[in-house]
Amino acid sequence: MEPRIERLKEKRLTGYKLKMSLTNNKTGELWGNFGPKIKHIKNRVSVDRISMQIYPPLYYNNFNPDIEFEKWATVEVKDFENLPNGLDAFTLKEGLYAVFDYKGLSSDPSIFQYIFWKWLPNSSYQIDNRPHFEVLGENYLNNDPNSEEEIWIPILEQ
């Protein structure tokens, strides 16, 4: 599976965030709290939802499933005007990304094993210390083998 390489333009995101680790995964709680708020966000850019992770530096070099990171449940907005109370704002900066079109269970770790243990070491790129995210579009079906999403991995040319 070869990714497409894209230069992401700056995006404005709004949503909720939580600290978690892979062993103490709170993704269900995060989206459960944010989901009902989405319909109250009037200036959305699309119907897509964005699941974003902000990892500490060298997270994947010293991988440990107990290390905490910040996870966001978000949608993209035109601006940060008139957001519902309690939502956080985040500006996702421009940058280069490897984009993998994935079909399958979101709980299956094999796609990330492929990306970080096979594709990345054999590519001309290295991981960049910027947010990772998944675009959950119209064909995203939570925990369904027919679910489709885009996995965006921040990269730098070596």
Protein backbone atom coordinates (compact mmCIF):
# COMPACT_ATOMS: atom_id res chain seq x y z
CA MET A 1 0.00 0.00 0.00
CA GLU A 2 1.63 3.20 -1.18
CA PRO A 3 0.48 6.51 0.27
CA ARG A 4 -0.03 9.72 -1.62
CA ILE A 5 2.19 12.57 -0.47
CA GLU A 6 0.33 15.82 0.16
CA ARG A 7 1.18 19.27 1.44
CA LEU A 8 -1.57 20.06 3.91
CA LYS A 9 -2.82 23.62 4.01
CA GLU A 10 -3.48 25.12 7.41
CA LYS A 11 -6.74 23.93 9.00
CA ARG A 12 -8.77 25.33 11.88
CA LEU A 13 -10.17 22.58 14.09
CA THR A 14 -12.52 22.64 17.04
CA GLY A 15 -13.45 19.90 19.46
CA TYR A 16 -12.46 18.19 22.66
CA LYS A 17 -9.12 16.79 23.81
CA LEU A 18 -8.01 14.26 26.41
CA LYS A 19 -4.69 12.90 27.64
CA MET A 20 -4.49 9.13 27.17
CA SER A 21 -2.21 6.25 26.26
CA LEU A 22 -2.79 3.17 24.16
CA THR A 23 -3.12 1.09 27.33
CA ASN A 24 -5.51 3.64 28.86
CA ASN A 25 -7.45 4.47 25.70
CA LYS A 26 -10.28 6.99 26.23
CA THR A 27 -11.24 7.43 22.57
CA GLY A 28 -14.82 6.23 23.13
CA GLU A 29 -15.30 8.68 25.99
CA LEU A 30 -13.77 11.52 23.95
CA TRP A 31 -16.03 11.02 20.91
CA GLY A 32 -19.02 10.22 23.12
CA ASN A 33 -18.69 13.65 24.73
CA PHE A 34 -17.96 15.52 21.49
CA GLY A 35 -20.44 13.81 19.14
CA PRO A 36 -23.60 15.52 20.45
CA LYS A 37 -21.92 18.95 20.16
CA ILE A 38 -21.15 18.61 16.42
CA LYS A 39 -24.66 19.58 15.31
CA HIS A 40 -24.29 22.92 17.15
CA ILE A 41 -21.17 23.94 15.20
CA LYS A 42 -22.50 26.22 12.46
CA ASN A 43 -19.34 27.12 10.53
CA ARG A 44 -18.13 23.61 9.60
CA VAL A 45 -16.15 23.21 6.39
CA SER A 46 -17.33 19.62 5.66
CA VAL A 47 -19.14 16.64 7.17
CA ASP A 48 -15.77 15.00 7.94
CA ARG A 49 -14.70 14.35 11.49
CA ILE A 50 -11.00 14.44 12.36
CA SER A 51 -9.37 12.31 15.03
CA MET A 52 -6.01 13.89 15.88
CA GLN A 53 -3.10 12.77 18.04
CA ILE A 54 -0.29 14.96 19.35
CA TYR A 55 2.56 12.72 20.45
CA PRO A 56 5.57 13.70 22.56
CA PRO A 57 8.86 14.04 20.63
CA LEU A 58 10.41 10.68 19.65
CA TYR A 59 7.18 8.83 20.57
CA TYR A 60 7.69 6.26 17.81
CA ASN A 61 11.47 5.98 18.33
CA ASN A 62 10.98 4.85 21.94
CA PHE A 63 7.55 3.26 21.52
CA ASN A 64 5.83 2.30 24.75
CA PRO A 65 2.02 1.84 24.86
CA ASP A 66 1.93 3.42 28.35
CA ILE A 67 3.29 6.81 27.19
CA GLU A 68 0.57 9.46 27.23
CA PHE A 69 -0.33 11.70 24.32
CA GLU A 70 -3.05 14.22 23.59
CA LYS A 71 -5.98 13.01 21.49
CA TRP A 72 -8.54 15.30 19.89
CA ALA A 73 -12.05 14.67 18.51
CA THR A 74 -12.60 17.54 16.04
CA VAL A 75 -14.26 19.00 12.99
CA GLU A 76 -12.81 21.60 10.64
CA VAL A 77 -14.27 25.10 10.80
CA LYS A 78 -13.92 28.27 8.68
CA ASP A 79 -12.97 30.32 11.73
CA PHE A 80 -13.18 30.24 15.52
CA GLU A 81 -16.11 32.68 15.71
CA ASN A 82 -19.30 31.66 17.57
CA LEU A 83 -18.17 28.21 18.68
CA PRO A 84 -20.34 26.43 21.26
CA ASN A 85 -19.15 26.92 24.84
CA GLY A 86 -16.52 24.51 26.10
CA LEU A 87 -14.97 23.57 22.75
CA ASP A 88 -11.23 23.94 22.27
CA ALA A 89 -9.67 25.49 19.16
CA PHE A 90 -6.58 24.18 17.37
CA THR A 91 -4.76 25.45 14.28
CA LEU A 92 -3.22 22.55 12.36
CA LYS A 93 -0.20 24.05 10.59
CA GLU A 94 0.75 23.48 6.96
CA GLY A 95 3.10 20.61 6.28
CA LEU A 96 3.97 17.47 4.33
CA TYR A 97 1.97 14.30 5.00
CA ALA A 98 1.87 10.70 3.80
CA VAL A 99 -1.81 9.86 3.34
CA PHE A 100 -2.92 6.23 3.52
CA ASP A 101 -6.40 5.26 2.32
CA TYR A 102 -7.42 2.56 4.80
CA LYS A 103 -10.36 0.18 4.71
CA GLY A 104 -10.96 -2.02 7.73
CA LEU A 105 -11.45 -2.03 11.48
CA SER A 106 -10.15 1.08 13.22
CA SER A 107 -9.14 -1.17 16.13
CA ASP A 108 -6.76 -3.23 13.92
CA PRO A 109 -3.17 -2.07 14.60
CA SER A 110 -1.71 -3.76 11.49
CA ILE A 111 -2.00 -0.63 9.32
CA PHE A 112 0.17 1.34 11.76
CA GLN A 113 2.64 -1.54 12.03
CA TYR A 114 2.92 -1.46 8.24
CA ILE A 115 3.33 2.34 8.14
CA PHE A 116 5.97 2.63 10.87
CA TRP A 117 7.85 -0.68 10.52
CA LYS A 118 7.72 -1.29 6.76
CA TRP A 119 6.78 1.73 4.69
CA LEU A 120 8.57 4.52 6.62
CA PRO A 121 11.98 2.76 7.02
CA ASN A 122 11.99 1.93 3.28
CA SER A 123 10.92 5.40 2.14
CA SER A 124 12.87 8.60 1.61
CA TYR A 125 10.97 10.23 4.50
CA GLN A 126 11.21 10.46 8.26
CA ILE A 127 8.51 11.14 10.81
CA ASP A 128 7.97 14.80 11.70
CA ASN A 129 7.00 16.05 15.15
CA ARG A 130 3.59 17.43 14.15
CA PRO A 131 0.07 16.13 14.76
CA HIS A 132 -1.04 12.82 13.24
CA PHE A 133 -4.69 12.53 12.27
CA GLU A 134 -7.38 10.46 10.61
CA VAL A 135 -10.11 11.89 8.41
CA LEU A 136 -13.37 10.09 9.17
CA GLY A 137 -15.51 10.88 6.15
CA GLU A 138 -18.87 9.71 4.85
CA ASN A 139 -17.64 6.10 4.46
CA TYR A 140 -16.36 5.82 8.03
CA LEU A 141 -18.27 3.18 9.98
CA ASN A 142 -17.08 2.87 13.57
CA ASN A 143 -15.48 -0.55 14.13
CA ASP A 144 -16.81 -2.08 10.91
CA PRO A 145 -14.60 -4.08 8.51
CA ASN A 146 -16.00 -2.03 5.58
CA SER A 147 -15.11 1.29 7.20
CA GLU A 148 -12.94 3.72 5.23
CA GLU A 149 -10.71 6.51 6.51
CA GLU A 150 -7.62 8.49 5.58
CA ILE A 151 -4.60 8.21 7.85
CA TRP A 152 -2.35 11.32 7.70
CA ILE A 153 1.23 10.84 8.93
CA PRO A 154 3.47 13.96 9.22
CA ILE A 155 6.72 13.49 7.29
CA LEU A 156 9.93 15.25 6.30
CA GLU A 157 12.15 14.43 3.33
CA GLN A 158 15.46 12.93 4.44
